[in-house]
């Protein structure tokens, strides 16, 4: 196991290294929990599964295929407008 160092910013923020995110399967919008380790000097980070219908599992590929079909049917200008709209919405 290699050690990767990161510096915590003045607002308490830190970036999880890309290699670690890939290896652990962390992705954008994942909910992470932080628990103090037994030694009082370490932190355990876990990806949490928080949803209304966890028993059903993840949605099937049909919804993704439908969304891709909708996006592909838009003109380039409409796609650009949709992207700007979604970026602003997610940035709230």
C-alpha atoms as a PDB file:
ATOM      1  CA  UNK A   1       0.000   0.000   0.000  1.00  0.00           C
ATOM      2  CA  UNK A   2       1.463   3.359  -1.012  1.00  0.00           C
ATOM      3  CA  UNK A   3       0.982   6.502   1.041  1.00  0.00           C
ATOM      4  CA  UNK A   4      -0.477   9.601  -0.600  1.00  0.00           C
ATOM      5  CA  UNK A   5      -0.392  12.897   1.274  1.00  0.00           C
ATOM      6  CA  UNK A   6      -2.932  15.705   0.944  1.00  0.00           C
ATOM      7  CA  UNK A   7      -3.089  19.076   2.707  1.00  0.00           C
ATOM      8  CA  UNK A   8      -6.352  20.113   4.328  1.00  0.00           C
ATOM      9  CA  UNK A   9      -7.485  23.576   3.280  1.00  0.00           C
ATOM     10  CA  UNK A  10      -8.488  26.305   5.716  1.00  0.00           C
ATOM     11  CA  UNK A  11     -12.179  25.412   5.210  1.00  0.00           C
ATOM     12  CA  UNK A  12     -11.478  21.780   6.212  1.00  0.00           C
ATOM     13  CA  UNK A  13     -11.644  20.460   2.654  1.00  0.00           C
ATOM     14  CA  UNK A  14      -9.450  17.732   1.242  1.00  0.00           C
ATOM     15  CA  UNK A  15      -9.382  15.961  -2.102  1.00  0.00           C
ATOM     16  CA  UNK A  16      -9.538  12.177  -2.124  1.00  0.00           C
ATOM     17  CA  UNK A  17      -6.877  11.089  -4.642  1.00  0.00           C
ATOM     18  CA  UNK A  18      -8.196   9.922  -8.014  1.00  0.00           C
ATOM     19  CA  UNK A  19      -6.521   6.524  -7.713  1.00  0.00           C
ATOM     20  CA  UNK A  20      -8.170   5.954  -4.330  1.00  0.00           C
ATOM     21  CA  UNK A  21     -11.605   7.033  -5.597  1.00  0.00           C
ATOM     22  CA  UNK A  22     -11.347   4.615  -8.530  1.00  0.00           C
ATOM     23  CA  UNK A  23     -10.061   1.743  -6.404  1.00  0.00           C
ATOM     24  CA  UNK A  24     -12.817   2.181  -3.797  1.00  0.00           C
ATOM     25  CA  UNK A  25     -15.539   2.962  -6.322  1.00  0.00           C
ATOM     26  CA  UNK A  26     -16.269   6.466  -5.009  1.00  0.00           C
ATOM     27  CA  UNK A  27     -18.135   8.601  -7.545  1.00  0.00           C
ATOM     28  CA  UNK A  28     -19.637  12.065  -7.919  1.00  0.00           C
ATOM     29  CA  UNK A  29     -22.573  12.634  -5.549  1.00  0.00           C
ATOM     30  CA  UNK A  30     -21.770   9.606  -3.389  1.00  0.00           C
ATOM     31  CA  UNK A  31     -22.649  10.062   0.286  1.00  0.00           C
ATOM     32  CA  UNK A  32     -19.616   9.428   2.477  1.00  0.00           C
ATOM     33  CA  UNK A  33     -19.603   8.945   6.239  1.00  0.00           C
ATOM     34  CA  UNK A  34     -16.644   9.809   8.463  1.00  0.00           C
ATOM     35  CA  UNK A  35     -16.039   7.948  11.722  1.00  0.00           C
ATOM     36  CA  UNK A  36     -13.259   8.581  14.199  1.00  0.00           C
ATOM     37  CA  UNK A  37     -10.897   5.616  14.480  1.00  0.00           C
ATOM     38  CA  UNK A  38     -10.299   3.857  17.793  1.00  0.00           C
ATOM     39  CA  UNK A  39      -6.893   5.493  18.130  1.00  0.00           C
ATOM     40  CA  UNK A  40      -8.460   8.965  18.039  1.00  0.00           C
ATOM     41  CA  UNK A  41      -6.043   9.997  15.280  1.00  0.00           C
ATOM     42  CA  UNK A  42      -7.512   8.350  12.197  1.00  0.00           C
ATOM     43  CA  UNK A  43     -10.710   8.624  10.189  1.00  0.00           C
ATOM     44  CA  UNK A  44     -12.672   5.805   8.577  1.00  0.00           C
ATOM     45  CA  UNK A  45     -14.449   6.866   5.384  1.00  0.00           C
ATOM     46  CA  UNK A  46     -17.334   4.785   4.046  1.00  0.00           C
ATOM     47  CA  UNK A  47     -19.580   5.179   1.037  1.00  0.00           C
ATOM     48  CA  UNK A  48     -23.163   5.003   2.282  1.00  0.00           C
ATOM     49  CA  UNK A  49     -26.164   3.758   0.372  1.00  0.00           C
ATOM     50  CA  UNK A  50     -28.982   6.194   1.031  1.00  0.00           C
ATOM     51  CA  UNK A  51     -32.135   5.838  -1.032  1.00  0.00           C
ATOM     52  CA  UNK A  52     -35.898   5.514  -0.814  1.00  0.00           C
ATOM     53  CA  UNK A  53     -36.057   2.058  -2.402  1.00  0.00           C
ATOM     54  CA  UNK A  54     -32.771   0.307  -1.650  1.00  0.00           C
ATOM     55  CA  UNK A  55     -34.410  -3.118  -1.720  1.00  0.00           C
ATOM     56  CA  UNK A  56     -35.108  -2.772  -5.432  1.00  0.00           C
ATOM     57  CA  UNK A  57     -31.433  -2.159  -6.239  1.00  0.00           C
ATOM     58  CA  UNK A  58     -30.126   0.236  -8.873  1.00  0.00           C
ATOM     59  CA  UNK A  59     -32.358   1.307 -11.772  1.00  0.00           C
ATOM     60  CA  UNK A  60     -32.105  -0.736 -14.942  1.00  0.00           C
ATOM     61  CA  UNK A  61     -30.392   0.488 -18.106  1.00  0.00           C
ATOM     62  CA  UNK A  62     -33.695   1.362 -19.796  1.00  0.00           C
ATOM     63  CA  UNK A  63     -33.889   4.765 -18.108  1.00  0.00           C
ATOM     64  CA  UNK A  64     -30.303   5.546 -19.094  1.00  0.00           C
ATOM     65  CA  UNK A  65     -30.962   4.439 -22.671  1.00  0.00           C
ATOM     66  CA  UNK A  66     -34.075   6.640 -22.799  1.00  0.00           C
ATOM     67  CA  UNK A  67     -32.132   9.639 -21.487  1.00  0.00           C
ATOM     68  CA  UNK A  68     -29.346   9.096 -24.034  1.00  0.00           C
ATOM     69  CA  UNK A  69     -31.941   8.823 -26.802  1.00  0.00           C
ATOM     70  CA  UNK A  70     -33.527  12.098 -25.727  1.00  0.00           C
ATOM     71  CA  UNK A  71     -30.177  13.889 -25.584  1.00  0.00           C
ATOM     72  CA  UNK A  72     -29.134  12.522 -28.976  1.00  0.00           C
ATOM     73  CA  UNK A  73     -32.406  13.762 -30.504  1.00  0.00           C
ATOM     74  CA  UNK A  74     -31.603  17.367 -29.506  1.00  0.00           C
ATOM     75  CA  UNK A  75     -29.744  19.800 -31.721  1.00  0.00           C
ATOM     76  CA  UNK A  76     -26.255  20.842 -30.648  1.00  0.00           C
ATOM     77  CA  UNK A  77     -27.600  24.193 -29.396  1.00  0.00           C
ATOM     78  CA  UNK A  78     -30.338  22.446 -27.398  1.00  0.00           C
ATOM     79  CA  UNK A  79     -27.771  20.048 -25.891  1.00  0.00           C
ATOM     80  CA  UNK A  80     -25.563  22.992 -24.907  1.00  0.00           C
ATOM     81  CA  UNK A  81     -28.542  24.782 -23.301  1.00  0.00           C
ATOM     82  CA  UNK A  82     -29.508  21.600 -21.421  1.00  0.00           C
ATOM     83  CA  UNK A  83     -25.941  21.196 -20.159  1.00  0.00           C
ATOM     84  CA  UNK A  84     -25.828  24.790 -18.921  1.00  0.00           C
ATOM     85  CA  UNK A  85     -29.204  24.348 -17.223  1.00  0.00           C
ATOM     86  CA  UNK A  86     -28.185  21.096 -15.499  1.00  0.00           C
ATOM     87  CA  UNK A  87     -24.834  22.500 -14.358  1.00  0.00           C
ATOM     88  CA  UNK A  88     -26.617  25.480 -12.795  1.00  0.00           C
ATOM     89  CA  UNK A  89     -29.244  23.229 -11.192  1.00  0.00           C
ATOM     90  CA  UNK A  90     -26.668  20.825  -9.715  1.00  0.00           C
ATOM     91  CA  UNK A  91     -24.539  23.743  -8.537  1.00  0.00           C
ATOM     92  CA  UNK A  92     -27.310  25.003  -6.230  1.00  0.00           C
END
